[in-house]
Amino acid sequence: MSEQKDRYIVTIDDREFDINLTRRDGGFIVENNNSTYKVSVDQLSDKKFLFKIDDSSSEVDIARNGSLLEIFLEGKEMNVRVEPFNLAELRKRAGAAIYGQGDKIIKAPMPGLVLASEVKMGERIVKGKTLIIIEAMKMENTIKAPHDAVIKEVFVTAGQAVDKGEKLVELE
């Protein structure tokens, strides 16, 4: 019996998890840090799934919103992004190369279409605040503030195509 093992970065409401996923016996083995879980999934309807994790089970509603999954589990809604490890690392490196702690100009890490500009001139922002959302290769990429700042200028609007390295936002 062959096993397929894959590595993913799973982001749940801005918290990242490095996950190893092995397909085995009609289910999955999920490893995170020092924890291992046996998981099986049954699709109950278009958006409803039954997850069996070790000895417990839960019904989960899952809807796709761009590159995010909106998951409703046990009365809580979560936004989840699942990316192959290599792609997540590439996205992080591209973002790190575009801006750092002291940078004032935030540039597009890849070519794409601006879906939304979440800030306006003069707005005071905190580290991690979403600035711009760009769609590239059918995935939404959220550009976040690298540090606390004030928005000096916004160079793009929703619907605008941008090239890699193009100015998005200037911070004071």
C-alpha atoms as a PDB file:
ATOM      1  CA  MET A   1       0.000   0.000   0.000  1.00  0.00           C
ATOM      2  CA  SER A   2       1.462   3.345  -1.011  1.00  0.00           C
ATOM      3  CA  GLU A   3       1.190   6.423   1.152  1.00  0.00           C
ATOM      4  CA  GLN A   4       1.143   9.981  -0.061  1.00  0.00           C
ATOM      5  CA  LYS A   5       2.524  12.492   2.404  1.00  0.00           C
ATOM      6  CA  ASP A   6       2.060  16.238   1.871  1.00  0.00           C
ATOM      7  CA  ARG A   7       2.978  19.303   3.886  1.00  0.00           C
ATOM      8  CA  TYR A   8       0.674  22.320   4.220  1.00  0.00           C
ATOM      9  CA  ILE A   9       0.525  25.658   5.969  1.00  0.00           C
ATOM     10  CA  VAL A  10      -2.969  26.062   7.397  1.00  0.00           C
ATOM     11  CA  THR A  11      -3.941  29.540   8.552  1.00  0.00           C
ATOM     12  CA  ILE A  12      -6.960  29.793  10.844  1.00  0.00           C
ATOM     13  CA  ASP A  13      -7.992  33.350  11.681  1.00  0.00           C
ATOM     14  CA  ASP A  14      -4.359  34.603  11.341  1.00  0.00           C
ATOM     15  CA  ARG A  15      -2.821  31.678  13.310  1.00  0.00           C
ATOM     16  CA  GLU A  16      -0.497  29.470  11.250  1.00  0.00           C
ATOM     17  CA  PHE A  17      -0.065  25.714  11.604  1.00  0.00           C
ATOM     18  CA  ASP A  18       2.547  23.573   9.824  1.00  0.00           C
ATOM     19  CA  ILE A  19       0.688  20.344   8.998  1.00  0.00           C
ATOM     20  CA  ASN A  20       1.865  17.015   7.582  1.00  0.00           C
ATOM     21  CA  LEU A  21      -0.941  15.062   5.939  1.00  0.00           C
ATOM     22  CA  THR A  22      -0.609  11.377   5.040  1.00  0.00           C
ATOM     23  CA  ARG A  23      -3.346   9.602   3.065  1.00  0.00           C
ATOM     24  CA  ARG A  24      -3.846   6.162   4.613  1.00  0.00           C
ATOM     25  CA  ASP A  25      -6.587   3.507   4.782  1.00  0.00           C
ATOM     26  CA  GLY A  26      -9.299   5.687   3.203  1.00  0.00           C
ATOM     27  CA  GLY A  27      -8.542   8.507   5.632  1.00  0.00           C
ATOM     28  CA  PHE A  28      -5.718  10.717   6.751  1.00  0.00           C
ATOM     29  CA  ILE A  29      -3.052  10.945   9.416  1.00  0.00           C
ATOM     30  CA  VAL A  30      -2.605  14.605  10.424  1.00  0.00           C
ATOM     31  CA  GLU A  31       0.562  15.643  12.266  1.00  0.00           C
ATOM     32  CA  ASN A  32       1.136  19.044  13.878  1.00  0.00           C
ATOM     33  CA  ASN A  33       4.070  19.624  16.239  1.00  0.00           C
ATOM     34  CA  ASN A  34       4.072  16.538  18.455  1.00  0.00           C
ATOM     35  CA  SER A  35       0.393  15.680  17.964  1.00  0.00           C
ATOM     36  CA  THR A  36      -0.956  13.028  15.595  1.00  0.00           C
ATOM     37  CA  TYR A  37      -4.623  12.549  14.668  1.00  0.00           C
ATOM     38  CA  LYS A  38      -6.429   9.929  12.591  1.00  0.00           C
ATOM     39  CA  VAL A  39      -9.015  11.752  10.450  1.00  0.00           C
ATOM     40  CA  SER A  40     -11.730  10.613   8.082  1.00  0.00           C
ATOM     41  CA  VAL A  41     -14.171  12.817   6.177  1.00  0.00           C
ATOM     42  CA  ASP A  42     -17.617  11.993   4.778  1.00  0.00           C
ATOM     43  CA  GLN A  43     -19.498  14.485   2.605  1.00  0.00           C
ATOM     44  CA  LEU A  44     -23.106  14.717   3.804  1.00  0.00           C
ATOM     45  CA  SER A  45     -24.325  17.387   1.362  1.00  0.00           C
ATOM     46  CA  ASP A  46     -22.939  20.108  -0.903  1.00  0.00           C
ATOM     47  CA  LYS A  47     -21.389  22.103   1.975  1.00  0.00           C
ATOM     48  CA  LYS A  48     -21.803  19.793   4.987  1.00  0.00           C
ATOM     49  CA  PHE A  49     -19.155  17.270   6.040  1.00  0.00           C
ATOM     50  CA  LEU A  50     -18.734  14.798   8.884  1.00  0.00           C
ATOM     51  CA  PHE A  51     -15.193  14.891  10.293  1.00  0.00           C
ATOM     52  CA  LYS A  52     -14.129  11.967  12.476  1.00  0.00           C
ATOM     53  CA  ILE A  53     -11.004  12.841  14.450  1.00  0.00           C
ATOM     54  CA  ASP A  54      -9.675   9.953  16.520  1.00  0.00           C
ATOM     55  CA  ASP A  55     -12.711   8.929  18.620  1.00  0.00           C
ATOM     56  CA  SER A  56     -14.873  12.042  18.187  1.00  0.00           C
ATOM     57  CA  SER A  57     -16.894  13.373  15.283  1.00  0.00           C
ATOM     58  CA  SER A  58     -18.307  16.759  14.264  1.00  0.00           C
ATOM     59  CA  GLU A  59     -20.491  18.084  11.485  1.00  0.00           C
ATOM     60  CA  VAL A  60     -18.815  20.962   9.680  1.00  0.00           C
ATOM     61  CA  ASP A  61     -20.217  23.427   7.145  1.00  0.00           C
ATOM     62  CA  ILE A  62     -17.613  24.544   4.599  1.00  0.00           C
ATOM     63  CA  ALA A  63     -18.029  27.269   1.961  1.00  0.00           C
ATOM     64  CA  ARG A  64     -15.318  28.534  -0.385  1.00  0.00           C
ATOM     65  CA  ASN A  65     -14.755  32.304  -0.535  1.00  0.00           C
ATOM     66  CA  GLY A  66     -11.967  32.891  -3.044  1.00  0.00           C
ATOM     67  CA  SER A  67      -8.869  31.186  -1.642  1.00  0.00           C
ATOM     68  CA  LEU A  68     -10.386  31.043   1.853  1.00  0.00           C
ATOM     69  CA  LEU A  69     -12.605  28.392   3.353  1.00  0.00           C
ATOM     70  CA  GLU A  70     -15.363  29.678   5.630  1.00  0.00           C
ATOM     71  CA  ILE A  71     -15.852  26.930   8.188  1.00  0.00           C
ATOM     72  CA  PHE A  72     -18.731  26.776  10.667  1.00  0.00           C
ATOM     73  CA  LEU A  73     -17.964  24.329  13.485  1.00  0.00           C
ATOM     74  CA  GLU A  74     -19.667  23.988  16.876  1.00  0.00           C
ATOM     75  CA  GLY A  75     -21.243  27.452  16.716  1.00  0.00           C
ATOM     76  CA  LYS A  76     -18.056  29.210  15.600  1.00  0.00           C
ATOM     77  CA  GLU A  77     -17.163  30.600  12.185  1.00  0.00           C
ATOM     78  CA  MET A  78     -13.514  30.479  11.099  1.00  0.00           C
ATOM     79  CA  ASN A  79     -11.671  31.677   8.014  1.00  0.00           C
ATOM     80  CA  VAL A  80      -9.174  29.042   6.908  1.00  0.00           C
ATOM     81  CA  ARG A  81      -6.510  29.111   4.186  1.00  0.00           C
ATOM     82  CA  VAL A  82      -4.779  25.869   3.197  1.00  0.00           C
ATOM     83  CA  GLU A  83      -1.641  26.210   1.081  1.00  0.00           C
ATOM     84  CA  PRO A  84       0.971  23.686   0.041  1.00  0.00           C
ATOM     85  CA  PHE A  85       4.078  24.352   2.154  1.00  0.00           C
ATOM     86  CA  ASN A  86       6.290  25.341  -0.795  1.00  0.00           C
ATOM     87  CA  LEU A  87       3.730  27.838  -2.126  1.00  0.00           C
ATOM     88  CA  ALA A  88       3.201  29.373   1.338  1.00  0.00           C
ATOM     89  CA  GLU A  89       6.966  29.759   1.822  1.00  0.00           C
ATOM     90  CA  LEU A  90       7.332  31.329  -1.631  1.00  0.00           C
ATOM     91  CA  ARG A  91       4.499  33.786  -0.864  1.00  0.00           C
ATOM     92  CA  LYS A  92       6.111  34.695   2.462  1.00  0.00           C
ATOM     93  CA  ARG A  93       9.533  35.193   0.890  1.00  0.00           C
ATOM     94  CA  ALA A  94       8.046  37.343  -1.884  1.00  0.00           C
ATOM     95  CA  GLY A  95       6.266  39.471   0.715  1.00  0.00           C
ATOM     96  CA  ALA A  96       9.415  39.726   2.857  1.00  0.00           C
ATOM     97  CA  ALA A  97      11.420  40.819  -0.175  1.00  0.00           C
ATOM     98  CA  ILE A  98       8.874  43.540  -0.967  1.00  0.00           C
ATOM     99  CA  TYR A  99       8.712  45.156   2.465  1.00  0.00           C
ATOM    100  CA  GLY A 100      10.391  45.023   5.825  1.00  0.00           C
ATOM    101  CA  GLN A 101      10.075  46.658   9.242  1.00  0.00           C
ATOM    102  CA  GLY A 102      11.335  50.101   8.205  1.00  0.00           C
ATOM    103  CA  ASP A 103       9.927  50.282   4.679  1.00  0.00           C
ATOM    104  CA  LYS A 104       7.464  53.015   3.809  1.00  0.00           C
ATOM    105  CA  ILE A 105       6.436  51.875   0.318  1.00  0.00           C
ATOM    106  CA  ILE A 106       4.433  48.641   0.101  1.00  0.00           C
ATOM    107  CA  LYS A 107       4.713  47.053  -3.355  1.00  0.00           C
ATOM    108  CA  ALA A 108       2.843  44.243  -5.080  1.00  0.00           C
ATOM    109  CA  PRO A 109       4.595  40.905  -4.436  1.00  0.00           C
ATOM    110  CA  MET A 110       3.170  39.499  -7.701  1.00  0.00           C
ATOM    111  CA  PRO A 111       1.155  40.633 -10.708  1.00  0.00           C
ATOM    112  CA  GLY A 112      -2.603  40.443 -10.253  1.00  0.00           C
ATOM    113  CA  LEU A 113      -5.910  42.222  -9.898  1.00  0.00           C
ATOM    114  CA  VAL A 114      -6.669  44.456  -6.902  1.00  0.00           C
ATOM    115  CA  LEU A 115      -9.852  43.083  -5.337  1.00  0.00           C
ATOM    116  CA  ALA A 116     -10.014  45.574  -2.483  1.00  0.00           C
ATOM    117  CA  SER A 117      -8.187  48.442  -0.870  1.00  0.00           C
ATOM    118  CA  GLU A 118      -8.926  48.240   2.864  1.00  0.00           C
ATOM    119  CA  VAL A 119      -7.321  51.564   3.906  1.00  0.00           C
ATOM    120  CA  LYS A 120      -7.553  55.268   3.101  1.00  0.00           C
ATOM    121  CA  MET A 121      -5.183  58.213   3.258  1.00  0.00           C
ATOM    122  CA  GLY A 122      -4.599  59.487   6.807  1.00  0.00           C
ATOM    123  CA  GLU A 123      -5.796  56.281   8.463  1.00  0.00           C
ATOM    124  CA  ARG A 124      -3.785  55.059  11.463  1.00  0.00           C
ATOM    125  CA  ILE A 125      -3.085  51.332  11.147  1.00  0.00           C
ATOM    126  CA  VAL A 126      -1.520  48.606  13.277  1.00  0.00           C
ATOM    127  CA  LYS A 127       0.875  45.838  12.293  1.00  0.00           C
ATOM    128  CA  GLY A 128      -1.004  43.023  10.582  1.00  0.00           C
ATOM    129  CA  LYS A 129      -3.897  45.169   9.329  1.00  0.00           C
ATOM    130  CA  THR A 130      -5.052  44.204   5.842  1.00  0.00           C
ATOM    131  CA  LEU A 131      -4.042  46.908   3.377  1.00  0.00           C
ATOM    132  CA  ILE A 132      -4.778  45.489  -0.067  1.00  0.00           C
ATOM    133  CA  ILE A 133      -6.218  42.215  -1.398  1.00  0.00           C
ATOM    134  CA  ILE A 134      -4.821  41.049  -4.750  1.00  0.00           C
ATOM    135  CA  GLU A 135      -6.064  38.105  -6.791  1.00  0.00           C
ATOM    136  CA  ALA A 136      -3.301  36.223  -8.569  1.00  0.00           C
ATOM    137  CA  MET A 137      -3.566  32.769 -10.138  1.00  0.00           C
ATOM    138  CA  LYS A 138      -7.150  32.423  -8.789  1.00  0.00           C
ATOM    139  CA  MET A 139      -5.926  32.936  -5.206  1.00  0.00           C
ATOM    140  CA  GLU A 140      -6.562  35.900  -2.936  1.00  0.00           C
ATOM    141  CA  ASN A 141      -3.366  37.351  -1.481  1.00  0.00           C
ATOM    142  CA  THR A 142      -3.724  39.639   1.498  1.00  0.00           C
ATOM    143  CA  ILE A 143      -1.097  42.373   1.813  1.00  0.00           C
ATOM    144  CA  LYS A 144      -0.782  43.326   5.484  1.00  0.00           C
ATOM    145  CA  ALA A 145       0.881  46.194   7.303  1.00  0.00           C
ATOM    146  CA  PRO A 146       4.460  45.281   8.312  1.00  0.00           C
ATOM    147  CA  HIS A 147       4.327  47.686  11.278  1.00  0.00           C
ATOM    148  CA  ASP A 148       2.169  50.371  12.927  1.00  0.00           C
ATOM    149  CA  ALA A 149       1.913  53.465  10.718  1.00  0.00           C
ATOM    150  CA  VAL A 150      -0.282  56.125   9.145  1.00  0.00           C
ATOM    151  CA  ILE A 151      -1.380  55.756   5.514  1.00  0.00           C
ATOM    152  CA  LYS A 152       0.320  58.527   3.542  1.00  0.00           C
ATOM    153  CA  GLU A 153      -1.009  57.530   0.113  1.00  0.00           C
ATOM    154  CA  VAL A 154      -2.924  54.694  -1.576  1.00  0.00           C
ATOM    155  CA  PHE A 155      -1.828  54.161  -5.192  1.00  0.00           C
ATOM    156  CA  VAL A 156      -4.389  51.528  -6.289  1.00  0.00           C
ATOM    157  CA  THR A 157      -8.152  50.962  -6.378  1.00  0.00           C
ATOM    158  CA  ALA A 158     -10.342  47.855  -6.621  1.00  0.00           C
ATOM    159  CA  GLY A 159     -10.452  46.476 -10.148  1.00  0.00           C
ATOM    160  CA  GLN A 160      -7.002  47.771 -11.084  1.00  0.00           C
ATOM    161  CA  ALA A 161      -4.403  45.394 -12.557  1.00  0.00           C
ATOM    162  CA  VAL A 162      -0.942  45.637 -10.972  1.00  0.00           C
ATOM    163  CA  ASP A 163       2.502  44.361 -11.922  1.00  0.00           C
ATOM    164  CA  LYS A 164       5.009  42.808  -9.516  1.00  0.00           C
ATOM    165  CA  GLY A 165       6.822  45.591  -7.655  1.00  0.00           C
ATOM    166  CA  GLU A 166       4.186  48.243  -8.405  1.00  0.00           C
ATOM    167  CA  LYS A 167       3.491  50.693  -5.569  1.00  0.00           C
ATOM    168  CA  LEU A 168       0.367  49.875  -3.558  1.00  0.00           C
ATOM    169  CA  VAL A 169       0.537  52.009  -0.401  1.00  0.00           C
ATOM    170  CA  GLU A 170       2.923  54.515   1.171  1.00  0.00           C
ATOM    171  CA  LEU A 171       3.248  54.594   4.954  1.00  0.00           C
ATOM    172  CA  GLU A 172       4.384  57.500   7.148  1.00  0.00           C
END
